[in-house]
Amino acid sequence: QEAGVASSITYENKGGAAGAIGLAQFYNARKGDGDALMVMGAV
């Protein structure tokens, strides 16, 4: 937002199974959506 590349952010927390639950929801709900990101990492 400070950089001016997004006017607003909608955050969604979905915990569990080393991120697998949130990953599955992100995959199914956001296919083809260029306005979506998911945090991830080594875990």
PDB file of all heavy atoms in Angstrom:
ATOM      1  N   GLN A   1       0.830  -1.203   0.000  1.00  0.00           N
ATOM      2  CA  GLN A   1       0.000   0.000   0.000  1.00  0.00           C
ATOM      3  C   GLN A   1       0.868   1.258   0.000  1.00  0.00           C
ATOM      4  O   GLN A   1       0.566   2.226  -0.691  1.00  0.00           O
ATOM      5  CB  GLN A   1      -0.938  -0.020   1.201  1.00  0.00           C
ATOM      6  CG  GLN A   1      -2.079  -1.033   1.038  1.00  0.00           C
ATOM      7  CD  GLN A   1      -3.075  -0.954   2.173  1.00  0.00           C
ATOM      8  OE1 GLN A   1      -2.833  -1.445   3.263  1.00  0.00           O
ATOM      9  NE2 GLN A   1      -4.213  -0.333   1.902  1.00  0.00           N
ATOM     10  N   GLU A   2       1.952   1.235   0.773  1.00  0.00           N
ATOM     11  CA  GLU A   2       2.859   2.378   0.776  1.00  0.00           C
ATOM     12  C   GLU A   2       3.462   2.600  -0.604  1.00  0.00           C
ATOM     13  O   GLU A   2       3.642   3.737  -1.056  1.00  0.00           O
ATOM     14  CB  GLU A   2       3.975   2.177   1.803  1.00  0.00           C
ATOM     15  CG  GLU A   2       4.940   3.368   1.862  1.00  0.00           C
ATOM     16  CD  GLU A   2       6.122   3.136   2.788  1.00  0.00           C
ATOM     17  OE1 GLU A   2       5.974   2.414   3.795  1.00  0.00           O
ATOM     18  OE2 GLU A   2       7.202   3.680   2.496  1.00  0.00           O
ATOM     19  N   ALA A   3       3.772   1.493  -1.288  1.00  0.00           N
ATOM     20  CA  ALA A   3       4.375   1.582  -2.617  1.00  0.00           C
ATOM     21  C   ALA A   3       3.373   2.008  -3.679  1.00  0.00           C
ATOM     22  O   ALA A   3       3.752   2.316  -4.820  1.00  0.00           O
ATOM     23  CB  ALA A   3       4.992   0.237  -3.006  1.00  0.00           C
ATOM     24  N   GLY A   4       2.087   2.012  -3.348  1.00  0.00           N
ATOM     25  CA  GLY A   4       1.057   2.422  -4.293  1.00  0.00           C
ATOM     26  C   GLY A   4       0.671   1.370  -5.306  1.00  0.00           C
ATOM     27  O   GLY A   4       0.046   1.679  -6.319  1.00  0.00           O
ATOM     28  N   VAL A   5       1.017   0.092  -5.028  1.00  0.00           N
ATOM     29  CA  VAL A   5       0.689  -0.964  -5.993  1.00  0.00           C
ATOM     30  C   VAL A   5      -0.602  -1.695  -5.625  1.00  0.00           C
ATOM     31  O   VAL A   5      -1.078  -2.543  -6.379  1.00  0.00           O
ATOM     32  CB  VAL A   5       1.849  -1.971  -6.131  1.00  0.00           C
ATOM     33  CG1 VAL A   5       3.081  -1.281  -6.689  1.00  0.00           C
ATOM     34  CG2 VAL A   5       2.170  -2.665  -4.804  1.00  0.00           C
ATOM     35  N   ALA A   6      -1.170  -1.389  -4.463  1.00  0.00           N
ATOM     36  CA  ALA A   6      -2.461  -1.954  -4.067  1.00  0.00           C
ATOM     37  C   ALA A   6      -3.182  -0.911  -3.228  1.00  0.00           C
ATOM     38  O   ALA A   6      -2.619  -0.378  -2.270  1.00  0.00           O
ATOM     39  CB  ALA A   6      -2.274  -3.244  -3.267  1.00  0.00           C
ATOM     40  N   SER A   7      -4.410  -0.623  -3.585  1.00  0.00           N
ATOM     41  CA  SER A   7      -5.153   0.405  -2.855  1.00  0.00           C
ATOM     42  C   SER A   7      -5.711  -0.136  -1.552  1.00  0.00           C
ATOM     43  O   SER A   7      -5.892   0.608  -0.579  1.00  0.00           O
ATOM     44  CB  SER A   7      -6.295   0.947  -3.724  1.00  0.00           C
ATOM     45  OG  SER A   7      -7.184  -0.092  -4.091  1.00  0.00           O
ATOM     46  N   SER A   8      -5.988  -1.443  -1.498  1.00  0.00           N
ATOM     47  CA  SER A   8      -6.478  -2.062  -0.266  1.00  0.00           C
ATOM     48  C   SER A   8      -6.082  -3.530  -0.251  1.00  0.00           C
ATOM     49  O   SER A   8      -5.800  -4.126  -1.293  1.00  0.00           O
ATOM     50  CB  SER A   8      -7.998  -1.931  -0.140  1.00  0.00           C
ATOM     51  OG  SER A   8      -8.642  -2.627  -1.203  1.00  0.00           O
ATOM     52  N   ILE A   9      -6.041  -4.109   0.939  1.00  0.00           N
ATOM     53  CA  ILE A   9      -5.652  -5.512   1.104  1.00  0.00           C
ATOM     54  C   ILE A   9      -6.726  -6.216   1.916  1.00  0.00           C
ATOM     55  O   ILE A   9      -7.150  -5.724   2.965  1.00  0.00           O
ATOM     56  CB  ILE A   9      -4.307  -5.657   1.857  1.00  0.00           C
ATOM     57  CG1 ILE A   9      -3.227  -4.741   1.269  1.00  0.00           C
ATOM     58  CG2 ILE A   9      -3.856  -7.116   1.858  1.00  0.00           C
ATOM     59  CD1 ILE A   9      -2.645  -5.178  -0.036  1.00  0.00           C
ATOM     60  N   THR A  10      -7.166  -7.368   1.437  1.00  0.00           N
ATOM     61  CA  THR A  10      -8.055  -8.230   2.204  1.00  0.00           C
ATOM     62  C   THR A  10      -7.238  -9.425   2.684  1.00  0.00           C
ATOM     63  O   THR A  10      -6.705 -10.184   1.876  1.00  0.00           O
ATOM     64  CB  THR A  10      -9.238  -8.725   1.354  1.00  0.00           C
ATOM     65  OG1 THR A  10      -9.989  -7.595   0.889  1.00  0.00           O
ATOM     66  CG2 THR A  10     -10.143  -9.641   2.162  1.00  0.00           C
ATOM     67  N   TYR A  11      -7.113  -9.587   4.010  1.00  0.00           N
ATOM     68  CA  TYR A  11      -6.334 -10.681   4.580  1.00  0.00           C
ATOM     69  C   TYR A  11      -7.266 -11.817   4.987  1.00  0.00           C
ATOM     70  O   TYR A  11      -8.351 -11.586   5.526  1.00  0.00           O
ATOM     71  CB  TYR A  11      -5.568 -10.215   5.814  1.00  0.00           C
ATOM     72  CG  TYR A  11      -4.597  -9.082   5.562  1.00  0.00           C
ATOM     73  CD1 TYR A  11      -4.981  -7.761   5.794  1.00  0.00           C
ATOM     74  CD2 TYR A  11      -3.316  -9.313   5.108  1.00  0.00           C
ATOM     75  CE1 TYR A  11      -4.103  -6.706   5.571  1.00  0.00           C
ATOM     76  CE2 TYR A  11      -2.430  -8.273   4.874  1.00  0.00           C
ATOM     77  CZ  TYR A  11      -2.829  -6.971   5.107  1.00  0.00           C
ATOM     78  OH  TYR A  11      -1.951  -5.938   4.886  1.00  0.00           O
ATOM     79  N   GLU A  12      -6.820 -13.039   4.755  1.00  0.00           N
ATOM     80  CA  GLU A  12      -7.583 -14.199   5.209  1.00  0.00           C
ATOM     81  C   GLU A  12      -6.633 -15.185   5.867  1.00  0.00           C
ATOM     82  O   GLU A  12      -5.680 -15.656   5.252  1.00  0.00           O
ATOM     83  CB  GLU A  12      -8.306 -14.885   4.047  1.00  0.00           C
ATOM     84  CG  GLU A  12      -9.134 -16.076   4.495  1.00  0.00           C
ATOM     85  CD  GLU A  12      -9.985 -16.664   3.381  1.00  0.00           C
ATOM     86  OE1 GLU A  12      -9.795 -16.262   2.216  1.00  0.00           O
ATOM     87  OE2 GLU A  12     -10.831 -17.531   3.679  1.00  0.00           O
ATOM     88  N   ASN A  13      -6.883 -15.491   7.135  1.00  0.00           N
ATOM     89  CA  ASN A  13      -6.089 -16.488   7.860  1.00  0.00           C
ATOM     90  C   ASN A  13      -6.795 -17.828   7.819  1.00  0.00           C
ATOM     91  O   ASN A  13      -7.986 -17.919   8.126  1.00  0.00           O
ATOM     92  CB  ASN A  13      -5.899 -16.070   9.317  1.00  0.00           C
ATOM     93  CG  ASN A  13      -4.945 -14.903   9.480  1.00  0.00           C
ATOM     94  OD1 ASN A  13      -5.336 -13.750   9.354  1.00  0.00           O
ATOM     95  ND2 ASN A  13      -3.691 -15.208   9.764  1.00  0.00           N
ATOM     96  N   LYS A  14      -6.066 -18.864   7.446  1.00  0.00           N
ATOM     97  CA  LYS A  14      -6.624 -20.224   7.412  1.00  0.00           C
ATOM     98  C   LYS A  14      -5.508 -21.184   7.806  1.00  0.00           C
ATOM     99  O   LYS A  14      -4.720 -21.627   6.982  1.00  0.00           O
ATOM    100  CB  LYS A  14      -7.162 -20.538   6.013  1.00  0.00           C
ATOM    101  CG  LYS A  14      -7.852 -21.900   5.894  1.00  0.00           C
ATOM    102  CD  LYS A  14      -9.132 -21.970   6.697  1.00  0.00           C
ATOM    103  CE  LYS A  14     -10.212 -21.058   6.147  1.00  0.00           C
ATOM    104  NZ  LYS A  14     -11.520 -21.249   6.821  1.00  0.00           N
ATOM    105  N   GLY A  15      -5.422 -21.461   9.103  1.00  0.00           N
ATOM    106  CA  GLY A  15      -4.297 -22.241   9.618  1.00  0.00           C
ATOM    107  C   GLY A  15      -4.517 -23.740   9.585  1.00  0.00           C
ATOM    108  O   GLY A  15      -5.632 -24.228   9.410  1.00  0.00           O
ATOM    109  N   GLY A  16      -3.407 -24.465   9.780  1.00  0.00           N
ATOM    110  CA  GLY A  16      -3.455 -25.912   9.931  1.00  0.00           C
ATOM    111  C   GLY A  16      -2.665 -26.676   8.902  1.00  0.00           C
ATOM    112  O   GLY A  16      -2.524 -26.251   7.752  1.00  0.00           O
ATOM    113  N   ALA A  17      -2.098 -27.815   9.341  1.00  0.00           N
ATOM    114  CA  ALA A  17      -1.420 -28.776   8.466  1.00  0.00           C
ATOM    115  C   ALA A  17      -0.282 -28.152   7.664  1.00  0.00           C
ATOM    116  O   ALA A  17      -0.159 -28.365   6.463  1.00  0.00           O
ATOM    117  CB  ALA A  17      -2.427 -29.443   7.533  1.00  0.00           C
ATOM    118  N   ALA A  18       0.559 -27.373   8.361  1.00  0.00           N
ATOM    119  CA  ALA A  18       1.727 -26.733   7.725  1.00  0.00           C
ATOM    120  C   ALA A  18       1.336 -25.874   6.525  1.00  0.00           C
ATOM    121  O   ALA A  18       2.078 -25.774   5.551  1.00  0.00           O
ATOM    122  CB  ALA A  18       2.751 -27.788   7.313  1.00  0.00           C
ATOM    123  N   GLY A  19       0.165 -25.277   6.604  1.00  0.00           N
ATOM    124  CA  GLY A  19      -0.306 -24.411   5.522  1.00  0.00           C
ATOM    125  C   GLY A  19      -1.121 -25.109   4.454  1.00  0.00           C
ATOM    126  O   GLY A  19      -1.635 -24.457   3.546  1.00  0.00           O
ATOM    127  N   ALA A  20      -1.266 -26.438   4.556  1.00  0.00           N
ATOM    128  CA  ALA A  20      -1.948 -27.193   3.496  1.00  0.00           C
ATOM    129  C   ALA A  20      -3.427 -26.842   3.382  1.00  0.00           C
ATOM    130  O   ALA A  20      -3.995 -26.867   2.278  1.00  0.00           O
ATOM    131  CB  ALA A  20      -1.786 -28.703   3.740  1.00  0.00           C
ATOM    132  N   ILE A  21      -4.066 -26.504   4.496  1.00  0.00           N
ATOM    133  CA  ILE A  21      -5.496 -26.156   4.458  1.00  0.00           C
ATOM    134  C   ILE A  21      -5.693 -24.837   3.718  1.00  0.00           C
ATOM    135  O   ILE A  21      -6.548 -24.711   2.832  1.00  0.00           O
ATOM    136  CB  ILE A  21      -6.076 -26.095   5.885  1.00  0.00           C
ATOM    137  CG1 ILE A  21      -6.028 -27.489   6.524  1.00  0.00           C
ATOM    138  CG2 ILE A  21      -7.514 -25.569   5.860  1.00  0.00           C
ATOM    139  CD1 ILE A  21      -6.436 -27.511   7.987  1.00  0.00           C
ATOM    140  N   GLY A  22      -4.897 -23.843   4.069  1.00  0.00           N
ATOM    141  CA  GLY A  22      -4.992 -22.560   3.377  1.00  0.00           C
ATOM    142  C   GLY A  22      -4.593 -22.663   1.921  1.00  0.00           C
ATOM    143  O   GLY A  22      -5.191 -22.022   1.049  1.00  0.00           O
ATOM    144  N   LEU A  23      -3.569 -23.475   1.634  1.00  0.00           N
ATOM    145  CA  LEU A  23      -3.128 -23.689   0.254  1.00  0.00           C
ATOM    146  C   LEU A  23      -4.258 -24.274  -0.583  1.00  0.00           C
ATOM    147  O   LEU A  23      -4.510 -23.821  -1.710  1.00  0.00           O
ATOM    148  CB  LEU A  23      -1.914 -24.623   0.222  1.00  0.00           C
ATOM    149  CG  LEU A  23      -1.509 -25.173  -1.144  1.00  0.00           C
ATOM    150  CD1 LEU A  23      -1.115 -24.057  -2.104  1.00  0.00           C
ATOM    151  CD2 LEU A  23      -0.355 -26.182  -0.990  1.00  0.00           C
ATOM    152  N   ALA A  24      -4.941 -25.282  -0.067  1.00  0.00           N
ATOM    153  CA  ALA A  24      -6.038 -25.913  -0.812  1.00  0.00           C
ATOM    154  C   ALA A  24      -7.146 -24.909  -1.096  1.00  0.00           C
ATOM    155  O   ALA A  24      -7.692 -24.863  -2.209  1.00  0.00           O
ATOM    156  CB  ALA A  24      -6.581 -27.108  -0.032  1.00  0.00           C
ATOM    157  N   GLN A  25      -7.468 -24.078  -0.103  1.00  0.00           N
ATOM    158  CA  GLN A  25      -8.526 -23.070  -0.308  1.00  0.00           C
ATOM    159  C   GLN A  25      -8.078 -22.034  -1.344  1.00  0.00           C
ATOM    160  O   GLN A  25      -8.867 -21.628  -2.204  1.00  0.00           O
ATOM    161  CB  GLN A  25      -8.862 -22.390   1.014  1.00  0.00           C
ATOM    162  CG  GLN A  25      -9.969 -21.361   0.883  1.00  0.00           C
ATOM    163  CD  GLN A  25     -10.509 -20.918   2.230  1.00  0.00           C
ATOM    164  OE1 GLN A  25     -10.760 -21.741   3.113  1.00  0.00           O
ATOM    165  NE2 GLN A  25     -10.700 -19.624   2.405  1.00  0.00           N
ATOM    166  N   PHE A  26      -6.819 -21.611  -1.257  1.00  0.00           N
ATOM    167  CA  PHE A  26      -6.276 -20.636  -2.208  1.00  0.00           C
ATOM    168  C   PHE A  26      -6.298 -21.213  -3.624  1.00  0.00           C
ATOM    169  O   PHE A  26      -6.701 -20.526  -4.577  1.00  0.00           O
ATOM    170  CB  PHE A  26      -4.838 -20.299  -1.793  1.00  0.00           C
ATOM    171  CG  PHE A  26      -4.165 -19.271  -2.657  1.00  0.00           C
ATOM    172  CD1 PHE A  26      -4.516 -17.933  -2.584  1.00  0.00           C
ATOM    173  CD2 PHE A  26      -3.148 -19.640  -3.530  1.00  0.00           C
ATOM    174  CE1 PHE A  26      -3.873 -16.971  -3.372  1.00  0.00           C
ATOM    175  CE2 PHE A  26      -2.503 -18.703  -4.321  1.00  0.00           C
ATOM    176  CZ  PHE A  26      -2.868 -17.367  -4.240  1.00  0.00           C
ATOM    177  N   TYR A  27      -5.883 -22.442  -3.761  1.00  0.00           N
ATOM    178  CA  TYR A  27      -5.849 -23.087  -5.080  1.00  0.00           C
ATOM    179  C   TYR A  27      -7.249 -23.171  -5.683  1.00  0.00           C
ATOM    180  O   TYR A  27      -7.455 -22.844  -6.862  1.00  0.00           O
ATOM    181  CB  TYR A  27      -5.245 -24.487  -4.946  1.00  0.00           C
ATOM    182  CG  TYR A  27      -5.346 -25.315  -6.201  1.00  0.00           C
ATOM    183  CD1 TYR A  27      -4.524 -25.059  -7.300  1.00  0.00           C
ATOM    184  CD2 TYR A  27      -6.275 -26.348  -6.306  1.00  0.00           C
ATOM    185  CE1 TYR A  27      -4.625 -25.816  -8.460  1.00  0.00           C
ATOM    186  CE2 TYR A  27      -6.383 -27.107  -7.457  1.00  0.00           C
ATOM    187  CZ  TYR A  27      -5.554 -26.842  -8.533  1.00  0.00           C
ATOM    188  OH  TYR A  27      -5.662 -27.584  -9.685  1.00  0.00           O
ATOM    189  N   ASN A  28      -8.218 -23.600  -4.887  1.00  0.00           N
ATOM    190  CA  ASN A  28      -9.571 -23.810  -5.412  1.00  0.00           C
ATOM    191  C   ASN A  28     -10.338 -22.515  -5.651  1.00  0.00           C
ATOM    192  O   ASN A  28     -11.122 -22.420  -6.590  1.00  0.00           O
ATOM    193  CB  ASN A  28     -10.363 -24.704  -4.441  1.00  0.00           C
ATOM    194  CG  ASN A  28      -9.871 -26.134  -4.440  1.00  0.00           C
ATOM    195  OD1 ASN A  28      -9.617 -26.718  -5.488  1.00  0.00           O
ATOM    196  ND2 ASN A  28      -9.704 -26.712  -3.252  1.00  0.00           N
ATOM    197  N   ALA A  29     -10.098 -21.499  -4.807  1.00  0.00           N
ATOM    198  CA  ALA A  29     -10.897 -20.277  -4.873  1.00  0.00           C
ATOM    199  C   ALA A  29     -10.318 -19.205  -5.784  1.00  0.00           C
ATOM    200  O   ALA A  29     -11.046 -18.313  -6.227  1.00  0.00           O
ATOM    201  CB  ALA A  29     -11.081 -19.707  -3.463  1.00  0.00           C
ATOM    202  N   ARG A  30      -9.028 -19.253  -6.082  1.00  0.00           N
ATOM    203  CA  ARG A  30      -8.389 -18.125  -6.764  1.00  0.00           C
ATOM    204  C   ARG A  30      -7.798 -18.451  -8.132  1.00  0.00           C
ATOM    205  O   ARG A  30      -6.980 -17.685  -8.646  1.00  0.00           O
ATOM    206  CB  ARG A  30      -7.274 -17.556  -5.867  1.00  0.00           C
ATOM    207  CG  ARG A  30      -7.746 -17.048  -4.514  1.00  0.00           C
ATOM    208  CD  ARG A  30      -8.730 -15.914  -4.660  1.00  0.00           C
ATOM    209  NE  ARG A  30      -9.187 -15.425  -3.356  1.00  0.00           N
ATOM    210  CZ  ARG A  30     -10.280 -14.709  -3.200  1.00  0.00           C
ATOM    211  NH1 ARG A  30     -11.020 -14.388  -4.256  1.00  0.00           N
ATOM    212  NH2 ARG A  30     -10.632 -14.302  -1.992  1.00  0.00           N
ATOM    213  N   LYS A  31      -8.185 -19.534  -8.741  1.00  0.00           N
ATOM    214  CA  LYS A  31      -7.620 -19.892 -10.049  1.00  0.00           C
ATOM    215  C   LYS A  31      -7.787 -18.750 -11.047  1.00  0.00           C
ATOM    216  O   LYS A  31      -8.884 -18.221 -11.216  1.00  0.00           O
ATOM    217  CB  LYS A  31      -8.295 -21.152 -10.595  1.00  0.00           C
ATOM    218  CG  LYS A  31      -7.928 -22.432  -9.848  1.00  0.00           C
ATOM    219  CD  LYS A  31      -8.642 -23.642 -10.418  1.00  0.00           C
ATOM    220  CE  LYS A  31      -8.323 -24.890  -9.620  1.00  0.00           C
ATOM    221  NZ  LYS A  31      -9.081 -26.077 -10.100  1.00  0.00           N
ATOM    222  N   GLY A  32      -6.682 -18.374 -11.680  1.00  0.00           N
ATOM    223  CA  GLY A  32      -6.716 -17.328 -12.686  1.00  0.00           C
ATOM    224  C   GLY A  32      -6.833 -15.917 -12.139  1.00  0.00           C
ATOM    225  O   GLY A  32      -6.919 -14.956 -12.915  1.00  0.00           O
ATOM    226  N   ASP A  33      -6.820 -15.746 -10.819  1.00  0.00           N
ATOM    227  CA  ASP A  33      -7.004 -14.435 -10.196  1.00  0.00           C
ATOM    228  C   ASP A  33      -5.647 -13.733 -10.058  1.00  0.00           C
ATOM    229  O   ASP A  33      -4.819 -14.117  -9.225  1.00  0.00           O
ATOM    230  CB  ASP A  33      -7.670 -14.605  -8.829  1.00  0.00           C
ATOM    231  CG  ASP A  33      -8.060 -13.283  -8.188  1.00  0.00           C
ATOM    232  OD1 ASP A  33      -7.583 -12.229  -8.658  1.00  0.00           O
ATOM    233  OD2 ASP A  33      -8.857 -13.300  -7.227  1.00  0.00           O
ATOM    234  N   GLY A  34      -5.432 -12.704 -10.837  1.00  0.00           N
ATOM    235  CA  GLY A  34      -4.173 -11.975 -10.792  1.00  0.00           C
ATOM    236  C   GLY A  34      -4.078 -10.974  -9.658  1.00  0.00           C
ATOM    237  O   GLY A  34      -3.064 -10.289  -9.521  1.00  0.00           O
ATOM    238  N   ASP A  35      -5.115 -10.881  -8.829  1.00  0.00           N
ATOM    239  CA  ASP A  35      -5.120  -9.974  -7.682  1.00  0.00           C
ATOM    240  C   ASP A  35      -5.016 -10.744  -6.367  1.00  0.00           C
ATOM    241  O   ASP A  35      -5.527 -10.302  -5.335  1.00  0.00           O
ATOM    242  CB  ASP A  35      -6.408  -9.147  -7.651  1.00  0.00           C
ATOM    243  CG  ASP A  35      -6.452  -8.129  -8.780  1.00  0.00           C
ATOM    244  OD1 ASP A  35      -5.391  -7.602  -9.136  1.00  0.00           O
ATOM    245  OD2 ASP A  35      -7.546  -7.875  -9.303  1.00  0.00           O
ATOM    246  N   ALA A  36      -4.357 -11.905  -6.388  1.00  0.00           N
ATOM    247  CA  ALA A  36      -4.284 -12.735  -5.186  1.00  0.00           C
ATOM    248  C   ALA A  36      -2.857 -13.210  -4.937  1.00  0.00           C
ATOM    249  O   ALA A  36      -2.113 -13.523  -5.870  1.00  0.00           O
ATOM    250  CB  ALA A  36      -5.221 -13.939  -5.327  1.00  0.00           C
ATOM    251  N   LEU A  37      -2.479 -13.235  -3.668  1.00  0.00           N
ATOM    252  CA  LEU A  37      -1.182 -13.758  -3.245  1.00  0.00           C
ATOM    253  C   LEU A  37      -1.376 -14.653  -2.030  1.00  0.00           C
ATOM    254  O   LEU A  37      -2.340 -14.496  -1.269  1.00  0.00           O
ATOM    255  CB  LEU A  37      -0.221 -12.627  -2.861  1.00  0.00           C
ATOM    256  CG  LEU A  37       0.395 -11.781  -3.978  1.00  0.00           C
ATOM    257  CD1 LEU A  37       1.153 -10.600  -3.368  1.00  0.00           C
ATOM    258  CD2 LEU A  37       1.325 -12.622  -4.850  1.00  0.00           C
ATOM    259  N   MET A  38      -0.450 -15.584  -1.826  1.00  0.00           N
ATOM    260  CA  MET A  38      -0.443 -16.444  -0.645  1.00  0.00           C
ATOM    261  C   MET A  38       0.952 -16.455  -0.035  1.00  0.00           C
ATOM    262  O   MET A  38       1.950 -16.638  -0.733  1.00  0.00           O
ATOM    263  CB  MET A  38      -0.838 -17.877  -1.016  1.00  0.00           C
ATOM    264  CG  MET A  38      -0.808 -18.849   0.165  1.00  0.00           C
ATOM    265  SD  MET A  38      -0.990 -20.585  -0.338  1.00  0.00           S
ATOM    266  CE  MET A  38       0.603 -20.874  -1.125  1.00  0.00           C
ATOM    267  N   VAL A  39       1.026 -16.258   1.273  1.00  0.00           N
ATOM    268  CA  VAL A  39       2.290 -16.364   1.990  1.00  0.00           C
ATOM    269  C   VAL A  39       2.641 -17.847   2.136  1.00  0.00           C
ATOM    270  O   VAL A  39       1.763 -18.694   2.350  1.00  0.00           O
ATOM    271  CB  VAL A  39       2.186 -15.712   3.381  1.00  0.00           C
ATOM    272  CG1 VAL A  39       3.500 -15.830   4.136  1.00  0.00           C
ATOM    273  CG2 VAL A  39       1.777 -14.255   3.254  1.00  0.00           C
ATOM    274  N   MET A  40       3.915 -18.175   2.011  1.00  0.00           N
ATOM    275  CA  MET A  40       4.354 -19.566   2.174  1.00  0.00           C
ATOM    276  C   MET A  40       5.821 -19.557   2.562  1.00  0.00           C
ATOM    277  O   MET A  40       6.417 -18.506   2.763  1.00  0.00           O
ATOM    278  CB  MET A  40       4.110 -20.379   0.901  1.00  0.00           C
ATOM    279  CG  MET A  40       4.709 -19.802  -0.366  1.00  0.00           C
ATOM    280  SD  MET A  40       6.501 -20.058  -0.577  1.00  0.00           S
ATOM    281  CE  MET A  40       6.542 -21.845  -0.768  1.00  0.00           C
ATOM    282  N   GLY A  41       6.404 -20.750   2.665  1.00  0.00           N
ATOM    283  CA  GLY A  41       7.820 -20.819   3.001  1.00  0.00           C
ATOM    284  C   GLY A  41       8.286 -22.240   3.214  1.00  0.00           C
ATOM    285  O   GLY A  41       7.599 -23.199   2.852  1.00  0.00           O
ATOM    286  N   ALA A  42       9.457 -22.367   3.823  1.00  0.00           N
ATOM    287  CA  ALA A  42      10.070 -23.680   4.021  1.00  0.00           C
ATOM    288  C   ALA A  42       9.162 -24.618   4.806  1.00  0.00           C
ATOM    289  O   ALA A  42       9.153 -25.833   4.571  1.00  0.00           O
ATOM    290  CB  ALA A  42      11.409 -23.519   4.739  1.00  0.00           C
ATOM    291  N   VAL A  43       8.380 -24.063   5.736  1.00  0.00           N
ATOM    292  CA  VAL A  43       7.475 -24.885   6.542  1.00  0.00           C
ATOM    293  C   VAL A  43       6.480 -25.627   5.661  1.00  0.00           C
ATOM    294  O   VAL A  43       6.175 -26.805   5.884  1.00  0.00           O
ATOM    295  CB  VAL A  43       6.731 -24.007   7.571  1.00  0.00           C
ATOM    296  CG1 VAL A  43       5.626 -24.800   8.264  1.00  0.00           C
ATOM    297  CG2 VAL A  43       7.711 -23.460   8.600  1.00  0.00           C
TER     298      VAL A  43
END
